[in-house]
């Protein structure tokens, strides 16, 4: 099994790579619904709906066009590429609504930006 260095990662929003990207995360979750009968000695559950959410971390760059489109309330189409964009690399494709944005500035530090999103619809796992 291969391991990968974080520097290989790429995120594309609207088909264009987000510049100054420093990291990203994606989380998928699934609901479970209890279907236990009164006479059952133990609880039982069935799988419910799934969802996903995530965050994008970057060095702040007001001239980067994909960064400019990442505004709270907007919907983005994205491709998350944890291994890079070479043929055969794994990809996560979907759409999400931007739910939050923060800009952080500190003395003796690079200005950074973090964007959170809530997935809408299905998250597709595939390859480049």
C-alpha atoms as a PDB file:
ATOM      1  CA  UNK A   1       0.000   0.000   0.000  1.00  0.00           C
ATOM      2  CA  UNK A   2       1.365   3.398  -1.001  1.00  0.00           C
ATOM      3  CA  UNK A   3       1.525   6.420   1.249  1.00  0.00           C
ATOM      4  CA  UNK A   4       1.421   9.983   0.014  1.00  0.00           C
ATOM      5  CA  UNK A   5       2.906  13.271   1.144  1.00  0.00           C
ATOM      6  CA  UNK A   6       0.485  16.156   1.719  1.00  0.00           C
ATOM      7  CA  UNK A   7       2.312  18.305  -0.828  1.00  0.00           C
ATOM      8  CA  UNK A   8       0.736  16.160  -3.577  1.00  0.00           C
ATOM      9  CA  UNK A   9      -2.797  17.407  -2.809  1.00  0.00           C
ATOM     10  CA  UNK A  10      -4.795  19.597  -5.183  1.00  0.00           C
ATOM     11  CA  UNK A  11      -8.275  21.136  -4.904  1.00  0.00           C
ATOM     12  CA  UNK A  12     -10.129  22.422  -7.945  1.00  0.00           C
ATOM     13  CA  UNK A  13     -13.162  24.709  -7.664  1.00  0.00           C
ATOM     14  CA  UNK A  14     -15.104  25.277 -10.850  1.00  0.00           C
ATOM     15  CA  UNK A  15     -12.414  23.334 -12.727  1.00  0.00           C
ATOM     16  CA  UNK A  16      -9.530  25.623 -11.662  1.00  0.00           C
ATOM     17  CA  UNK A  17      -6.927  24.734  -9.038  1.00  0.00           C
ATOM     18  CA  UNK A  18      -7.124  26.835  -5.877  1.00  0.00           C
ATOM     19  CA  UNK A  19      -3.829  28.670  -5.489  1.00  0.00           C
ATOM     20  CA  UNK A  20      -1.925  28.876  -2.217  1.00  0.00           C
ATOM     21  CA  UNK A  21      -3.659  25.735  -0.884  1.00  0.00           C
ATOM     22  CA  UNK A  22      -2.073  24.537   2.362  1.00  0.00           C
ATOM     23  CA  UNK A  23      -4.457  21.731   3.318  1.00  0.00           C
ATOM     24  CA  UNK A  24      -7.968  20.336   3.150  1.00  0.00           C
ATOM     25  CA  UNK A  25     -10.205  17.837   4.882  1.00  0.00           C
ATOM     26  CA  UNK A  26     -13.350  15.950   3.983  1.00  0.00           C
ATOM     27  CA  UNK A  27     -15.587  13.990   6.327  1.00  0.00           C
ATOM     28  CA  UNK A  28     -18.344  11.591   5.327  1.00  0.00           C
ATOM     29  CA  UNK A  29     -20.995  10.442   7.779  1.00  0.00           C
ATOM     30  CA  UNK A  30     -23.965   8.117   7.708  1.00  0.00           C
ATOM     31  CA  UNK A  31     -27.128   8.161   9.776  1.00  0.00           C
ATOM     32  CA  UNK A  32     -28.442   5.052  11.458  1.00  0.00           C
ATOM     33  CA  UNK A  33     -32.066   4.508  12.418  1.00  0.00           C
ATOM     34  CA  UNK A  34     -33.121   2.168  15.185  1.00  0.00           C
ATOM     35  CA  UNK A  35     -35.532  -0.590  14.123  1.00  0.00           C
ATOM     36  CA  UNK A  36     -35.641  -2.582  17.371  1.00  0.00           C
ATOM     37  CA  UNK A  37     -38.857  -4.477  18.134  1.00  0.00           C
ATOM     38  CA  UNK A  38     -40.337  -4.501  21.634  1.00  0.00           C
ATOM     39  CA  UNK A  39     -39.550  -8.198  22.070  1.00  0.00           C
ATOM     40  CA  UNK A  40     -35.884  -7.863  20.995  1.00  0.00           C
ATOM     41  CA  UNK A  41     -33.244  -8.330  23.707  1.00  0.00           C
ATOM     42  CA  UNK A  42     -30.750  -6.110  21.878  1.00  0.00           C
ATOM     43  CA  UNK A  43     -31.092  -3.025  19.765  1.00  0.00           C
ATOM     44  CA  UNK A  44     -30.829  -3.209  15.977  1.00  0.00           C
ATOM     45  CA  UNK A  45     -30.302  -0.488  13.408  1.00  0.00           C
ATOM     46  CA  UNK A  46     -30.540   0.121   9.665  1.00  0.00           C
ATOM     47  CA  UNK A  47     -28.394   2.413   7.555  1.00  0.00           C
ATOM     48  CA  UNK A  48     -29.881   5.813   6.783  1.00  0.00           C
ATOM     49  CA  UNK A  49     -28.776   8.730   4.658  1.00  0.00           C
ATOM     50  CA  UNK A  50     -25.191   9.843   4.146  1.00  0.00           C
ATOM     51  CA  UNK A  51     -23.667  13.325   4.050  1.00  0.00           C
ATOM     52  CA  UNK A  52     -20.291  15.000   3.789  1.00  0.00           C
ATOM     53  CA  UNK A  53     -18.594  18.225   4.811  1.00  0.00           C
ATOM     54  CA  UNK A  54     -15.111  19.619   4.751  1.00  0.00           C
ATOM     55  CA  UNK A  55     -12.714  22.512   4.917  1.00  0.00           C
ATOM     56  CA  UNK A  56     -10.123  24.159   2.689  1.00  0.00           C
ATOM     57  CA  UNK A  57      -7.059  25.904   4.125  1.00  0.00           C
ATOM     58  CA  UNK A  58      -4.960  28.313   2.087  1.00  0.00           C
ATOM     59  CA  UNK A  59      -2.607  31.212   2.235  1.00  0.00           C
ATOM     60  CA  UNK A  60      -4.711  34.309   1.602  1.00  0.00           C
ATOM     61  CA  UNK A  61      -4.454  35.525  -2.015  1.00  0.00           C
ATOM     62  CA  UNK A  62      -7.072  38.080  -3.076  1.00  0.00           C
ATOM     63  CA  UNK A  63      -5.936  37.790  -6.735  1.00  0.00           C
ATOM     64  CA  UNK A  64      -6.643  34.041  -7.016  1.00  0.00           C
ATOM     65  CA  UNK A  65      -9.952  33.705  -8.902  1.00  0.00           C
ATOM     66  CA  UNK A  66     -11.103  30.443  -7.252  1.00  0.00           C
ATOM     67  CA  UNK A  67     -10.444  31.988  -3.815  1.00  0.00           C
ATOM     68  CA  UNK A  68     -12.606  34.983  -4.787  1.00  0.00           C
ATOM     69  CA  UNK A  69     -15.603  32.711  -5.504  1.00  0.00           C
ATOM     70  CA  UNK A  70     -15.462  31.030  -2.079  1.00  0.00           C
ATOM     71  CA  UNK A  71     -17.970  33.276  -0.302  1.00  0.00           C
ATOM     72  CA  UNK A  72     -20.391  32.287   2.451  1.00  0.00           C
ATOM     73  CA  UNK A  73     -23.688  31.079   0.990  1.00  0.00           C
ATOM     74  CA  UNK A  74     -22.304  30.320  -2.467  1.00  0.00           C
ATOM     75  CA  UNK A  75     -22.336  26.835  -3.962  1.00  0.00           C
ATOM     76  CA  UNK A  76     -19.162  25.395  -5.420  1.00  0.00           C
ATOM     77  CA  UNK A  77     -18.446  22.368  -7.571  1.00  0.00           C
ATOM     78  CA  UNK A  78     -15.141  20.870  -6.461  1.00  0.00           C
ATOM     79  CA  UNK A  79     -12.676  18.070  -6.975  1.00  0.00           C
ATOM     80  CA  UNK A  80     -10.454  17.086  -4.046  1.00  0.00           C
ATOM     81  CA  UNK A  81      -7.305  15.260  -5.156  1.00  0.00           C
ATOM     82  CA  UNK A  82      -5.359  14.004  -2.119  1.00  0.00           C
ATOM     83  CA  UNK A  83      -2.704  12.223  -4.237  1.00  0.00           C
ATOM     84  CA  UNK A  84      -2.369  14.870  -6.958  1.00  0.00           C
ATOM     85  CA  UNK A  85      -3.778  15.142 -10.470  1.00  0.00           C
ATOM     86  CA  UNK A  86      -1.892  12.357 -12.266  1.00  0.00           C
ATOM     87  CA  UNK A  87      -3.848   9.733 -14.192  1.00  0.00           C
ATOM     88  CA  UNK A  88      -5.022   7.021 -11.791  1.00  0.00           C
ATOM     89  CA  UNK A  89      -4.905   9.221  -8.655  1.00  0.00           C
ATOM     90  CA  UNK A  90      -7.955   9.105  -6.373  1.00  0.00           C
ATOM     91  CA  UNK A  91     -10.495  11.929  -6.527  1.00  0.00           C
ATOM     92  CA  UNK A  92     -13.519  13.108  -4.553  1.00  0.00           C
ATOM     93  CA  UNK A  93     -16.016  15.108  -6.610  1.00  0.00           C
ATOM     94  CA  UNK A  94     -19.123  16.929  -5.407  1.00  0.00           C
ATOM     95  CA  UNK A  95     -20.861  20.205  -4.700  1.00  0.00           C
ATOM     96  CA  UNK A  96     -21.079  22.093  -1.458  1.00  0.00           C
ATOM     97  CA  UNK A  97     -22.462  25.234   0.104  1.00  0.00           C
ATOM     98  CA  UNK A  98     -19.876  27.488   1.744  1.00  0.00           C
ATOM     99  CA  UNK A  99     -20.911  27.684   5.416  1.00  0.00           C
ATOM    100  CA  UNK A 100     -18.045  29.681   6.867  1.00  0.00           C
ATOM    101  CA  UNK A 101     -14.895  31.614   6.135  1.00  0.00           C
ATOM    102  CA  UNK A 102     -12.167  32.978   8.340  1.00  0.00           C
ATOM    103  CA  UNK A 103      -9.087  35.044   7.637  1.00  0.00           C
ATOM    104  CA  UNK A 104      -6.288  34.848  10.184  1.00  0.00           C
ATOM    105  CA  UNK A 105      -3.462  37.352  10.530  1.00  0.00           C
ATOM    106  CA  UNK A 106      -0.771  37.240  13.160  1.00  0.00           C
ATOM    107  CA  UNK A 107       2.430  39.082  13.841  1.00  0.00           C
ATOM    108  CA  UNK A 108       5.298  37.386  12.006  1.00  0.00           C
ATOM    109  CA  UNK A 109       2.891  35.061  10.157  1.00  0.00           C
ATOM    110  CA  UNK A 110       1.459  34.538   6.700  1.00  0.00           C
ATOM    111  CA  UNK A 111      -2.181  35.655   6.347  1.00  0.00           C
ATOM    112  CA  UNK A 112      -4.318  32.530   5.957  1.00  0.00           C
ATOM    113  CA  UNK A 113      -7.874  31.768   4.946  1.00  0.00           C
ATOM    114  CA  UNK A 114     -10.043  28.813   5.932  1.00  0.00           C
ATOM    115  CA  UNK A 115     -13.319  27.914   4.249  1.00  0.00           C
ATOM    116  CA  UNK A 116     -15.835  25.317   5.471  1.00  0.00           C
ATOM    117  CA  UNK A 117     -18.507  23.694   3.336  1.00  0.00           C
ATOM    118  CA  UNK A 118     -21.506  21.392   3.683  1.00  0.00           C
ATOM    119  CA  UNK A 119     -21.865  18.905   0.870  1.00  0.00           C
ATOM    120  CA  UNK A 120     -25.086  18.812  -1.064  1.00  0.00           C
ATOM    121  CA  UNK A 121     -25.994  15.717  -3.069  1.00  0.00           C
ATOM    122  CA  UNK A 122     -23.658  12.781  -3.523  1.00  0.00           C
ATOM    123  CA  UNK A 123     -19.899  12.698  -3.075  1.00  0.00           C
ATOM    124  CA  UNK A 124     -18.371  10.667  -5.901  1.00  0.00           C
ATOM    125  CA  UNK A 125     -15.182   8.759  -5.284  1.00  0.00           C
ATOM    126  CA  UNK A 126     -13.186   7.956  -8.409  1.00  0.00           C
ATOM    127  CA  UNK A 127      -9.858   8.425 -10.146  1.00  0.00           C
ATOM    128  CA  UNK A 128      -8.354  11.086 -12.384  1.00  0.00           C
END
